[in-house]
């Protein structure tokens, strides 16, 4: 489990998309489409915070919609709660859970 006090605790990909960890691929795609209608840069003009937030949403979606990466993410989330395990969001490398995901200004909590 990630600690609220952890300096590198990034939002969970499922939380970003507003779906449960048991969501189907169709539910994940639907959630992404709904969020894209609100946050896509084409709908927000020059709002840089909105554009950054869309990048976060897109990264979460790309990670979860890919079956291989999504399963590794789920496995890493399970392992994260183990004693001595490093938080998933602090690891380096493109395949690690949410390495590039950060909460932009204005991110709805």
PDB file of N, CA and C in Angstrom:
ATOM      1  N   UNK A   1       0.837  -1.181   0.000  1.00  0.00           N
ATOM      2  CA  UNK A   1       0.000   0.000   0.000  1.00  0.00           C
ATOM      3  C   UNK A   1       0.883   1.246   0.000  1.00  0.00           C
ATOM      4  N   UNK A   2       0.489   2.249  -0.731  1.00  0.00           N
ATOM      5  CA  UNK A   2       1.270   3.473  -0.733  1.00  0.00           C
ATOM      6  C   UNK A   2       0.890   4.323   0.465  1.00  0.00           C
ATOM      7  N   UNK A   3       1.849   4.970   0.989  1.00  0.00           N
ATOM      8  CA  UNK A   3       1.654   5.804   2.160  1.00  0.00           C
ATOM      9  C   UNK A   3       1.363   7.222   1.722  1.00  0.00           C
ATOM     10  N   UNK A   4       0.435   7.866   2.405  1.00  0.00           N
ATOM     11  CA  UNK A   4       0.111   9.248   2.066  1.00  0.00           C
ATOM     12  C   UNK A   4       1.310  10.162   2.316  1.00  0.00           C
ATOM     13  N   UNK A   5       2.194   9.738   3.218  1.00  0.00           N
ATOM     14  CA  UNK A   5       3.351  10.562   3.531  1.00  0.00           C
ATOM     15  C   UNK A   5       4.492  10.357   2.545  1.00  0.00           C
ATOM     16  N   UNK A   6       4.389   9.359   1.694  1.00  0.00           N
ATOM     17  CA  UNK A   6       5.453   9.072   0.746  1.00  0.00           C
ATOM     18  C   UNK A   6       5.610  10.225  -0.239  1.00  0.00           C
ATOM     19  N   UNK A   7       6.826  10.740  -0.433  1.00  0.00           N
ATOM     20  CA  UNK A   7       7.015  11.869  -1.335  1.00  0.00           C
ATOM     21  C   UNK A   7       6.811  11.502  -2.793  1.00  0.00           C
ATOM     22  N   UNK A   8       6.818  10.212  -3.107  1.00  0.00           N
ATOM     23  CA  UNK A   8       6.686   9.827  -4.510  1.00  0.00           C
ATOM     24  C   UNK A   8       5.378   9.114  -4.779  1.00  0.00           C
ATOM     25  N   UNK A   9       4.447   9.140  -3.837  1.00  0.00           N
ATOM     26  CA  UNK A   9       3.183   8.433  -4.031  1.00  0.00           C
ATOM     27  C   UNK A   9       2.385   9.126  -5.127  1.00  0.00           C
ATOM     28  N   UNK A  10       2.269   8.476  -6.259  1.00  0.00           N
ATOM     29  CA  UNK A  10       1.510   9.012  -7.380  1.00  0.00           C
ATOM     30  C   UNK A  10       0.111   8.423  -7.335  1.00  0.00           C
ATOM     31  N   UNK A  11      -0.836   9.077  -7.958  1.00  0.00           N
ATOM     32  CA  UNK A  11      -2.183   8.534  -7.979  1.00  0.00           C
ATOM     33  C   UNK A  11      -2.206   7.166  -8.640  1.00  0.00           C
ATOM     34  N   UNK A  12      -3.057   6.321  -8.163  1.00  0.00           N
ATOM     35  CA  UNK A  12      -3.244   4.993  -8.731  1.00  0.00           C
ATOM     36  C   UNK A  12      -3.913   5.135 -10.102  1.00  0.00           C
ATOM     37  N   UNK A  13      -3.502   4.321 -11.065  1.00  0.00           N
ATOM     38  CA  UNK A  13      -4.053   4.419 -12.420  1.00  0.00           C
ATOM     39  C   UNK A  13      -5.558   4.201 -12.444  1.00  0.00           C
ATOM     40  N   UNK A  14      -6.053   3.287 -11.611  1.00  0.00           N
ATOM     41  CA  UNK A  14      -7.496   3.050 -11.566  1.00  0.00           C
ATOM     42  C   UNK A  14      -8.222   4.269 -10.997  1.00  0.00           C
ATOM     43  N   UNK A  15      -7.618   4.903  -9.978  1.00  0.00           N
ATOM     44  CA  UNK A  15      -8.214   6.106  -9.398  1.00  0.00           C
ATOM     45  C   UNK A  15      -8.247   7.236 -10.416  1.00  0.00           C
ATOM     46  N   UNK A  16      -7.185   7.368 -11.190  1.00  0.00           N
ATOM     47  CA  UNK A  16      -7.119   8.424 -12.199  1.00  0.00           C
ATOM     48  C   UNK A  16      -8.277   8.307 -13.171  1.00  0.00           C
ATOM     49  N   UNK A  17      -8.572   7.070 -13.594  1.00  0.00           N
ATOM     50  CA  UNK A  17      -9.652   6.856 -14.556  1.00  0.00           C
ATOM     51  C   UNK A  17     -11.017   6.739 -13.893  1.00  0.00           C
ATOM     52  N   UNK A  18     -11.045   6.639 -12.574  1.00  0.00           N
ATOM     53  CA  UNK A  18     -12.320   6.553 -11.862  1.00  0.00           C
ATOM     54  C   UNK A  18     -13.011   5.222 -12.006  1.00  0.00           C
ATOM     55  N   UNK A  19     -12.219   4.146 -12.104  1.00  0.00           N
ATOM     56  CA  UNK A  19     -12.787   2.799 -12.207  1.00  0.00           C
ATOM     57  C   UNK A  19     -12.216   1.924 -11.100  1.00  0.00           C
ATOM     58  N   UNK A  20     -12.871   0.807 -10.856  1.00  0.00           N
ATOM     59  CA  UNK A  20     -12.362  -0.113  -9.842  1.00  0.00           C
ATOM     60  C   UNK A  20     -11.249  -0.961 -10.444  1.00  0.00           C
ATOM     61  N   UNK A  21     -10.474  -1.593  -9.576  1.00  0.00           N
ATOM     62  CA  UNK A  21      -9.386  -2.438 -10.069  1.00  0.00           C
ATOM     63  C   UNK A  21      -9.921  -3.703 -10.739  1.00  0.00           C
ATOM     64  N   UNK A  22     -11.201  -3.948 -10.609  1.00  0.00           N
ATOM     65  CA  UNK A  22     -11.817  -5.099 -11.264  1.00  0.00           C
ATOM     66  C   UNK A  22     -12.503  -4.701 -12.578  1.00  0.00           C
ATOM     67  N   UNK A  23     -12.271  -3.481 -13.032  1.00  0.00           N
ATOM     68  CA  UNK A  23     -12.921  -2.977 -14.249  1.00  0.00           C
ATOM     69  C   UNK A  23     -12.505  -3.783 -15.472  1.00  0.00           C
ATOM     70  N   UNK A  24     -13.460  -3.957 -16.369  1.00  0.00           N
ATOM     71  CA  UNK A  24     -13.181  -4.652 -17.627  1.00  0.00           C
ATOM     72  C   UNK A  24     -12.487  -3.693 -18.589  1.00  0.00           C
ATOM     73  N   UNK A  25     -11.945  -4.238 -19.671  1.00  0.00           N
ATOM     74  CA  UNK A  25     -11.303  -3.402 -20.691  1.00  0.00           C
ATOM     75  C   UNK A  25     -12.297  -2.386 -21.251  1.00  0.00           C
ATOM     76  N   UNK A  26     -13.548  -2.808 -21.436  1.00  0.00           N
ATOM     77  CA  UNK A  26     -14.562  -1.893 -21.963  1.00  0.00           C
ATOM     78  C   UNK A  26     -14.857  -0.766 -20.984  1.00  0.00           C
ATOM     79  N   UNK A  27     -14.884  -1.064 -19.677  1.00  0.00           N
ATOM     80  CA  UNK A  27     -15.108  -0.029 -18.679  1.00  0.00           C
ATOM     81  C   UNK A  27     -13.933   0.954 -18.644  1.00  0.00           C
ATOM     82  N   UNK A  28     -12.721   0.429 -18.771  1.00  0.00           N
ATOM     83  CA  UNK A  28     -11.534   1.285 -18.794  1.00  0.00           C
ATOM     84  C   UNK A  28     -11.570   2.192 -20.021  1.00  0.00           C
ATOM     85  N   UNK A  29     -11.907   1.629 -21.187  1.00  0.00           N
ATOM     86  CA  UNK A  29     -11.996   2.431 -22.413  1.00  0.00           C
ATOM     87  C   UNK A  29     -13.084   3.490 -22.300  1.00  0.00           C
ATOM     88  N   UNK A  30     -14.230   3.107 -21.745  1.00  0.00           N
ATOM     89  CA  UNK A  30     -15.331   4.061 -21.584  1.00  0.00           C
ATOM     90  C   UNK A  30     -14.965   5.202 -20.649  1.00  0.00           C
ATOM     91  N   UNK A  31     -14.285   4.875 -19.551  1.00  0.00           N
ATOM     92  CA  UNK A  31     -13.859   5.903 -18.601  1.00  0.00           C
ATOM     93  C   UNK A  31     -12.883   6.857 -19.272  1.00  0.00           C
ATOM     94  N   UNK A  32     -11.940   6.315 -20.041  1.00  0.00           N
ATOM     95  CA  UNK A  32     -10.980   7.163 -20.738  1.00  0.00           C
ATOM     96  C   UNK A  32     -11.694   8.098 -21.718  1.00  0.00           C
ATOM     97  N   UNK A  33     -12.635   7.565 -22.467  1.00  0.00           N
ATOM     98  CA  UNK A  33     -13.351   8.390 -23.452  1.00  0.00           C
ATOM     99  C   UNK A  33     -14.115   9.527 -22.769  1.00  0.00           C
ATOM    100  N   UNK A  34     -14.769   9.217 -21.641  1.00  0.00           N
ATOM    101  CA  UNK A  34     -15.503  10.259 -20.921  1.00  0.00           C
ATOM    102  C   UNK A  34     -14.556  11.354 -20.420  1.00  0.00           C
ATOM    103  N   UNK A  35     -13.420  10.936 -19.860  1.00  0.00           N
ATOM    104  CA  UNK A  35     -12.457  11.914 -19.354  1.00  0.00           C
ATOM    105  C   UNK A  35     -11.818  12.706 -20.489  1.00  0.00           C
ATOM    106  N   UNK A  36     -11.597  12.051 -21.619  1.00  0.00           N
ATOM    107  CA  UNK A  36     -10.989  12.738 -22.766  1.00  0.00           C
ATOM    108  C   UNK A  36     -11.906  13.838 -23.290  1.00  0.00           C
ATOM    109  N   UNK A  37     -13.210  13.628 -23.212  1.00  0.00           N
ATOM    110  CA  UNK A  37     -14.152  14.665 -23.650  1.00  0.00           C
ATOM    111  C   UNK A  37     -14.021  15.929 -22.812  1.00  0.00           C
ATOM    112  N   UNK A  38     -13.632  15.755 -21.555  1.00  0.00           N
ATOM    113  CA  UNK A  38     -13.490  16.900 -20.660  1.00  0.00           C
ATOM    114  C   UNK A  38     -12.091  17.501 -20.716  1.00  0.00           C
ATOM    115  N   UNK A  39     -11.056  16.642 -20.734  1.00  0.00           N
ATOM    116  CA  UNK A  39      -9.687  17.112 -20.529  1.00  0.00           C
ATOM    117  C   UNK A  39      -8.827  17.213 -21.785  1.00  0.00           C
ATOM    118  N   UNK A  40      -9.273  16.710 -22.921  1.00  0.00           N
ATOM    119  CA  UNK A  40      -8.441  16.749 -24.123  1.00  0.00           C
ATOM    120  C   UNK A  40      -8.108  18.194 -24.472  1.00  0.00           C
ATOM    121  N   UNK A  41      -6.854  18.461 -24.858  1.00  0.00           N
ATOM    122  CA  UNK A  41      -6.445  19.834 -25.182  1.00  0.00           C
ATOM    123  C   UNK A  41      -7.314  20.519 -26.240  1.00  0.00           C
ATOM    124  N   UNK A  42      -7.871  19.776 -27.162  1.00  0.00           N
ATOM    125  CA  UNK A  42      -8.733  20.377 -28.178  1.00  0.00           C
ATOM    126  C   UNK A  42      -9.989  20.992 -27.558  1.00  0.00           C
ATOM    127  N   UNK A  43     -10.369  20.499 -26.376  1.00  0.00           N
ATOM    128  CA  UNK A  43     -11.563  21.009 -25.712  1.00  0.00           C
ATOM    129  C   UNK A  43     -11.243  22.082 -24.681  1.00  0.00           C
ATOM    130  N   UNK A  44      -9.956  22.315 -24.410  1.00  0.00           N
ATOM    131  CA  UNK A  44      -9.560  23.234 -23.353  1.00  0.00           C
ATOM    132  C   UNK A  44      -8.741  24.419 -23.817  1.00  0.00           C
ATOM    133  N   UNK A  45      -8.630  24.619 -25.099  1.00  0.00           N
ATOM    134  CA  UNK A  45      -7.888  25.773 -25.601  1.00  0.00           C
ATOM    135  C   UNK A  45      -6.446  25.789 -25.118  1.00  0.00           C
ATOM    136  N   UNK A  46      -6.041  26.879 -24.507  1.00  0.00           N
ATOM    137  CA  UNK A  46      -4.662  27.052 -24.060  1.00  0.00           C
ATOM    138  C   UNK A  46      -4.469  26.694 -22.588  1.00  0.00           C
ATOM    139  N   UNK A  47      -5.344  25.917 -22.021  1.00  0.00           N
ATOM    140  CA  UNK A  47      -5.245  25.535 -20.614  1.00  0.00           C
ATOM    141  C   UNK A  47      -4.137  24.500 -20.444  1.00  0.00           C
ATOM    142  N   UNK A  48      -2.951  24.946 -20.002  1.00  0.00           N
ATOM    143  CA  UNK A  48      -1.810  24.034 -19.873  1.00  0.00           C
ATOM    144  C   UNK A  48      -2.021  23.021 -18.753  1.00  0.00           C
ATOM    145  N   UNK A  49      -2.696  23.406 -17.668  1.00  0.00           N
ATOM    146  CA  UNK A  49      -2.972  22.457 -16.582  1.00  0.00           C
ATOM    147  C   UNK A  49      -3.891  21.346 -17.094  1.00  0.00           C
ATOM    148  N   UNK A  50      -4.876  21.720 -17.912  1.00  0.00           N
ATOM    149  CA  UNK A  50      -5.771  20.725 -18.492  1.00  0.00           C
ATOM    150  C   UNK A  50      -5.035  19.782 -19.427  1.00  0.00           C
ATOM    151  N   UNK A  51      -4.109  20.318 -20.209  1.00  0.00           N
ATOM    152  CA  UNK A  51      -3.317  19.490 -21.127  1.00  0.00           C
ATOM    153  C   UNK A  51      -2.434  18.523 -20.355  1.00  0.00           C
ATOM    154  N   UNK A  52      -1.840  19.001 -19.270  1.00  0.00           N
ATOM    155  CA  UNK A  52      -1.007  18.129 -18.434  1.00  0.00           C
ATOM    156  C   UNK A  52      -1.862  17.042 -17.781  1.00  0.00           C
ATOM    157  N   UNK A  53      -3.046  17.422 -17.340  1.00  0.00           N
ATOM    158  CA  UNK A  53      -3.938  16.444 -16.721  1.00  0.00           C
ATOM    159  C   UNK A  53      -4.347  15.381 -17.744  1.00  0.00           C
ATOM    160  N   UNK A  54      -4.587  15.790 -18.986  1.00  0.00           N
ATOM    161  CA  UNK A  54      -4.927  14.815 -20.021  1.00  0.00           C
ATOM    162  C   UNK A  54      -3.789  13.826 -20.237  1.00  0.00           C
ATOM    163  N   UNK A  55      -2.544  14.306 -20.161  1.00  0.00           N
ATOM    164  CA  UNK A  55      -1.395  13.400 -20.308  1.00  0.00           C
ATOM    165  C   UNK A  55      -1.405  12.340 -19.217  1.00  0.00           C
ATOM    166  N   UNK A  56      -1.749  12.722 -18.002  1.00  0.00           N
ATOM    167  CA  UNK A  56      -1.827  11.781 -16.887  1.00  0.00           C
ATOM    168  C   UNK A  56      -2.905  10.739 -17.166  1.00  0.00           C
ATOM    169  N   UNK A  57      -4.048  11.200 -17.620  1.00  0.00           N
ATOM    170  CA  UNK A  57      -5.159  10.299 -17.931  1.00  0.00           C
ATOM    171  C   UNK A  57      -4.751   9.343 -19.048  1.00  0.00           C
ATOM    172  N   UNK A  58      -4.130   9.874 -20.089  1.00  0.00           N
ATOM    173  CA  UNK A  58      -3.713   9.043 -21.223  1.00  0.00           C
ATOM    174  C   UNK A  58      -2.697   7.982 -20.805  1.00  0.00           C
ATOM    175  N   UNK A  59      -1.726   8.359 -19.967  1.00  0.00           N
ATOM    176  CA  UNK A  59      -0.726   7.386 -19.503  1.00  0.00           C
ATOM    177  C   UNK A  59      -1.373   6.278 -18.682  1.00  0.00           C
ATOM    178  N   UNK A  60      -2.289   6.645 -17.812  1.00  0.00           N
ATOM    179  CA  UNK A  60      -2.985   5.637 -17.006  1.00  0.00           C
ATOM    180  C   UNK A  60      -3.762   4.695 -17.920  1.00  0.00           C
ATOM    181  N   UNK A  61      -4.455   5.249 -18.893  1.00  0.00           N
ATOM    182  CA  UNK A  61      -5.221   4.435 -19.837  1.00  0.00           C
ATOM    183  C   UNK A  61      -4.313   3.506 -20.636  1.00  0.00           C
ATOM    184  N   UNK A  62      -3.224   4.053 -21.180  1.00  0.00           N
ATOM    185  CA  UNK A  62      -2.312   3.244 -21.981  1.00  0.00           C
ATOM    186  C   UNK A  62      -1.722   2.091 -21.177  1.00  0.00           C
ATOM    187  N   UNK A  63      -1.478   2.333 -19.909  1.00  0.00           N
ATOM    188  CA  UNK A  63      -0.926   1.283 -19.068  1.00  0.00           C
ATOM    189  C   UNK A  63      -1.974   0.196 -18.810  1.00  0.00           C
ATOM    190  N   UNK A  64      -3.193   0.591 -18.457  1.00  0.00           N
ATOM    191  CA  UNK A  64      -4.215  -0.381 -18.078  1.00  0.00           C
ATOM    192  C   UNK A  64      -4.839  -1.107 -19.259  1.00  0.00           C
ATOM    193  N   UNK A  65      -4.912  -0.456 -20.410  1.00  0.00           N
ATOM    194  CA  UNK A  65      -5.581  -1.086 -21.550  1.00  0.00           C
ATOM    195  C   UNK A  65      -4.693  -2.140 -22.215  1.00  0.00           C
ATOM    196  N   UNK A  66      -3.387  -2.048 -22.005  1.00  0.00           N
ATOM    197  CA  UNK A  66      -2.462  -3.039 -22.556  1.00  0.00           C
ATOM    198  C   UNK A  66      -2.466  -4.248 -21.624  1.00  0.00           C
ATOM    199  N   UNK A  67      -2.938  -5.418 -22.103  1.00  0.00           N
ATOM    200  CA  UNK A  67      -3.069  -6.571 -21.207  1.00  0.00           C
ATOM    201  C   UNK A  67      -1.770  -6.962 -20.500  1.00  0.00           C
ATOM    202  N   UNK A  68      -0.647  -6.951 -21.182  1.00  0.00           N
ATOM    203  CA  UNK A  68       0.619  -7.332 -20.559  1.00  0.00           C
ATOM    204  C   UNK A  68       1.059  -6.332 -19.511  1.00  0.00           C
ATOM    205  N   UNK A  69       1.052  -5.064 -19.866  1.00  0.00           N
ATOM    206  CA  UNK A  69       1.466  -4.027 -18.922  1.00  0.00           C
ATOM    207  C   UNK A  69       0.467  -3.901 -17.780  1.00  0.00           C
ATOM    208  N   UNK A  70      -0.817  -4.061 -18.091  1.00  0.00           N
ATOM    209  CA  UNK A  70      -1.847  -3.984 -17.062  1.00  0.00           C
ATOM    210  C   UNK A  70      -1.687  -5.080 -16.019  1.00  0.00           C
ATOM    211  N   UNK A  71      -1.379  -6.306 -16.473  1.00  0.00           N
ATOM    212  CA  UNK A  71      -1.175  -7.399 -15.504  1.00  0.00           C
ATOM    213  C   UNK A  71       0.069  -7.180 -14.669  1.00  0.00           C
ATOM    214  N   UNK A  72       1.133  -6.647 -15.288  1.00  0.00           N
ATOM    215  CA  UNK A  72       2.338  -6.342 -14.505  1.00  0.00           C
ATOM    216  C   UNK A  72       2.058  -5.235 -13.492  1.00  0.00           C
ATOM    217  N   UNK A  73       1.258  -4.268 -13.884  1.00  0.00           N
ATOM    218  CA  UNK A  73       0.879  -3.192 -12.970  1.00  0.00           C
ATOM    219  C   UNK A  73       0.102  -3.761 -11.779  1.00  0.00           C
ATOM    220  N   UNK A  74      -0.875  -4.627 -12.075  1.00  0.00           N
ATOM    221  CA  UNK A  74      -1.662  -5.233 -10.999  1.00  0.00           C
ATOM    222  C   UNK A  74      -0.786  -6.064 -10.070  1.00  0.00           C
ATOM    223  N   UNK A  75       0.139  -6.823 -10.646  1.00  0.00           N
ATOM    224  CA  UNK A  75       1.046  -7.631  -9.828  1.00  0.00           C
ATOM    225  C   UNK A  75       1.936  -6.739  -8.968  1.00  0.00           C
ATOM    226  N   UNK A  76       2.416  -5.647  -9.536  1.00  0.00           N
ATOM    227  CA  UNK A  76       3.265  -4.724  -8.786  1.00  0.00           C
ATOM    228  C   UNK A  76       2.482  -4.066  -7.658  1.00  0.00           C
ATOM    229  N   UNK A  77       1.206  -3.766  -7.896  1.00  0.00           N
ATOM    230  CA  UNK A  77       0.359  -3.177  -6.849  1.00  0.00           C
ATOM    231  C   UNK A  77       0.189  -4.155  -5.695  1.00  0.00           C
ATOM    232  N   UNK A  78       0.046  -5.437  -6.010  1.00  0.00           N
ATOM    233  CA  UNK A  78      -0.085  -6.464  -4.962  1.00  0.00           C
ATOM    234  C   UNK A  78       1.216  -6.566  -4.175  1.00  0.00           C
ATOM    235  N   UNK A  79       2.341  -6.561  -4.887  1.00  0.00           N
ATOM    236  CA  UNK A  79       3.654  -6.707  -4.256  1.00  0.00           C
ATOM    237  C   UNK A  79       4.002  -5.492  -3.416  1.00  0.00           C
ATOM    238  N   UNK A  80       3.497  -4.337  -3.813  1.00  0.00           N
ATOM    239  CA  UNK A  80       3.841  -3.076  -3.165  1.00  0.00           C
ATOM    240  C   UNK A  80       3.552  -3.098  -1.668  1.00  0.00           C
ATOM    241  N   UNK A  81       2.539  -3.832  -1.245  1.00  0.00           N
ATOM    242  CA  UNK A  81       2.198  -3.888   0.168  1.00  0.00           C
ATOM    243  C   UNK A  81       3.072  -4.829   0.972  1.00  0.00           C
ATOM    244  N   UNK A  82       3.962  -5.562   0.324  1.00  0.00           N
ATOM    245  CA  UNK A  82       4.829  -6.512   1.019  1.00  0.00           C
ATOM    246  C   UNK A  82       5.904  -5.781   1.815  1.00  0.00           C
ATOM    247  N   UNK A  83       6.320  -6.353   2.944  1.00  0.00           N
ATOM    248  CA  UNK A  83       7.385  -5.721   3.726  1.00  0.00           C
ATOM    249  C   UNK A  83       8.663  -5.570   2.902  1.00  0.00           C
ATOM    250  N   UNK A  84       9.256  -4.397   2.939  1.00  0.00           N
ATOM    251  CA  UNK A  84      10.507  -4.144   2.229  1.00  0.00           C
ATOM    252  C   UNK A  84      10.341  -3.825   0.757  1.00  0.00           C
ATOM    253  N   UNK A  85       9.110  -3.852   0.241  1.00  0.00           N
ATOM    254  CA  UNK A  85       8.889  -3.572  -1.180  1.00  0.00           C
ATOM    255  C   UNK A  85       8.934  -2.070  -1.426  1.00  0.00           C
ATOM    256  N   UNK A  86       9.610  -1.683  -2.494  1.00  0.00           N
ATOM    257  CA  UNK A  86       9.640  -0.269  -2.876  1.00  0.00           C
ATOM    258  C   UNK A  86       8.290   0.098  -3.463  1.00  0.00           C
ATOM    259  N   UNK A  87       7.830   1.322  -3.259  1.00  0.00           N
ATOM    260  CA  UNK A  87       6.559   1.727  -3.858  1.00  0.00           C
ATOM    261  C   UNK A  87       6.624   1.614  -5.380  1.00  0.00           C
ATOM    262  N   UNK A  88       5.557   1.140  -5.979  1.00  0.00           N
ATOM    263  CA  UNK A  88       5.492   0.933  -7.424  1.00  0.00           C
ATOM    264  C   UNK A  88       5.789   2.224  -8.166  1.00  0.00           C
ATOM    265  N   UNK A  89       5.279   3.338  -7.693  1.00  0.00           N
ATOM    266  CA  UNK A  89       5.387   4.594  -8.419  1.00  0.00           C
ATOM    267  C   UNK A  89       6.771   5.223  -8.351  1.00  0.00           C
ATOM    268  N   UNK A  90       7.701   4.655  -7.568  1.00  0.00           N
ATOM    269  CA  UNK A  90       9.049   5.208  -7.454  1.00  0.00           C
ATOM    270  C   UNK A  90      10.038   4.490  -8.353  1.00  0.00           C
ATOM    271  N   UNK A  91       9.654   3.384  -8.920  1.00  0.00           N
ATOM    272  CA  UNK A  91      10.588   2.604  -9.725  1.00  0.00           C
ATOM    273  C   UNK A  91      10.847   3.285 -11.050  1.00  0.00           C
ATOM    274  N   UNK A  92      11.972   2.965 -11.636  1.00  0.00           N
ATOM    275  CA  UNK A  92      12.333   3.568 -12.919  1.00  0.00           C
ATOM    276  C   UNK A  92      12.085   2.591 -14.047  1.00  0.00           C
ATOM    277  N   UNK A  93      11.912   3.110 -15.230  1.00  0.00           N
ATOM    278  CA  UNK A  93      11.744   2.282 -16.420  1.00  0.00           C
ATOM    279  C   UNK A  93      10.358   2.427 -16.989  1.00  0.00           C
ATOM    280  N   UNK A  94      10.223   2.305 -18.293  1.00  0.00           N
ATOM    281  CA  UNK A  94       8.945   2.537 -18.950  1.00  0.00           C
ATOM    282  C   UNK A  94       7.878   1.518 -18.603  1.00  0.00           C
ATOM    283  N   UNK A  95       8.267   0.323 -18.178  1.00  0.00           N
ATOM    284  CA  UNK A  95       7.267  -0.696 -17.893  1.00  0.00           C
ATOM    285  C   UNK A  95       6.767  -0.651 -16.458  1.00  0.00           C
ATOM    286  N   UNK A  96       7.380   0.132 -15.612  1.00  0.00           N
ATOM    287  CA  UNK A  96       6.950   0.182 -14.228  1.00  0.00           C
ATOM    288  C   UNK A  96       5.689   1.020 -14.102  1.00  0.00           C
ATOM    289  N   UNK A  97       4.885   0.594 -13.197  1.00  0.00           N
ATOM    290  CA  UNK A  97       3.523   1.053 -12.998  1.00  0.00           C
ATOM    291  C   UNK A  97       3.171   2.446 -13.460  1.00  0.00           C
ATOM    292  N   UNK A  98       3.516   3.436 -12.751  1.00  0.00           N
ATOM    293  CA  UNK A  98       3.099   4.783 -13.122  1.00  0.00           C
ATOM    294  C   UNK A  98       4.266   5.745 -12.980  1.00  0.00           C
ATOM    295  N   UNK A  99       5.406   5.338 -13.483  1.00  0.00           N
ATOM    296  CA  UNK A  99       6.622   6.117 -13.292  1.00  0.00           C
ATOM    297  C   UNK A  99       6.484   7.543 -13.759  1.00  0.00           C
ATOM    298  N   UNK A 100       5.760   7.760 -14.842  1.00  0.00           N
ATOM    299  CA  UNK A 100       5.657   9.110 -15.391  1.00  0.00           C
ATOM    300  C   UNK A 100       4.396   9.824 -14.969  1.00  0.00           C
ATOM    301  N   UNK A 101       3.569   9.189 -14.148  1.00  0.00           N
ATOM    302  CA  UNK A 101       2.296   9.797 -13.776  1.00  0.00           C
ATOM    303  C   UNK A 101       2.500  10.690 -12.564  1.00  0.00           C
ATOM    304  N   UNK A 102       2.071  11.912 -12.680  1.00  0.00           N
ATOM    305  CA  UNK A 102       2.136  12.859 -11.572  1.00  0.00           C
ATOM    306  C   UNK A 102       0.831  13.636 -11.541  1.00  0.00           C
ATOM    307  N   UNK A 103       0.516  14.204 -10.447  1.00  0.00           N
ATOM    308  CA  UNK A 103      -0.719  14.975 -10.312  1.00  0.00           C
ATOM    309  C   UNK A 103      -0.468  16.425 -10.691  1.00  0.00           C
ATOM    310  N   UNK A 104      -1.026  16.881 -11.826  1.00  0.00           N
ATOM    311  CA  UNK A 104      -0.823  18.266 -12.237  1.00  0.00           C
ATOM    312  C   UNK A 104      -1.650  19.216 -11.374  1.00  0.00           C
ATOM    313  N   UNK A 105      -1.333  20.494 -11.426  1.00  0.00           N
ATOM    314  CA  UNK A 105      -2.140  21.471 -10.694  1.00  0.00           C
ATOM    315  C   UNK A 105      -3.592  21.372 -11.138  1.00  0.00           C
ATOM    316  N   UNK A 106      -4.482  21.444 -10.201  1.00  0.00           N
ATOM    317  CA  UNK A 106      -5.908  21.375 -10.538  1.00  0.00           C
ATOM    318  C   UNK A 106      -6.433  19.967 -10.666  1.00  0.00           C
ATOM    319  N   UNK A 107      -5.619  18.934 -10.342  1.00  0.00           N
ATOM    320  CA  UNK A 107      -6.073  17.561 -10.441  1.00  0.00           C
ATOM    321  C   UNK A 107      -7.180  17.330  -9.431  1.00  0.00           C
ATOM    322  N   UNK A 108      -8.362  16.888  -9.862  1.00  0.00           N
ATOM    323  CA  UNK A 108      -9.457  16.678  -8.925  1.00  0.00           C
ATOM    324  C   UNK A 108      -9.145  15.521  -7.985  1.00  0.00           C
ATOM    325  N   UNK A 109      -9.238  15.758  -6.696  1.00  0.00           N
ATOM    326  CA  UNK A 109      -8.952  14.718  -5.695  1.00  0.00           C
ATOM    327  C   UNK A 109     -10.183  13.923  -5.376  1.00  0.00           C
TER     328      UNK A 109
END
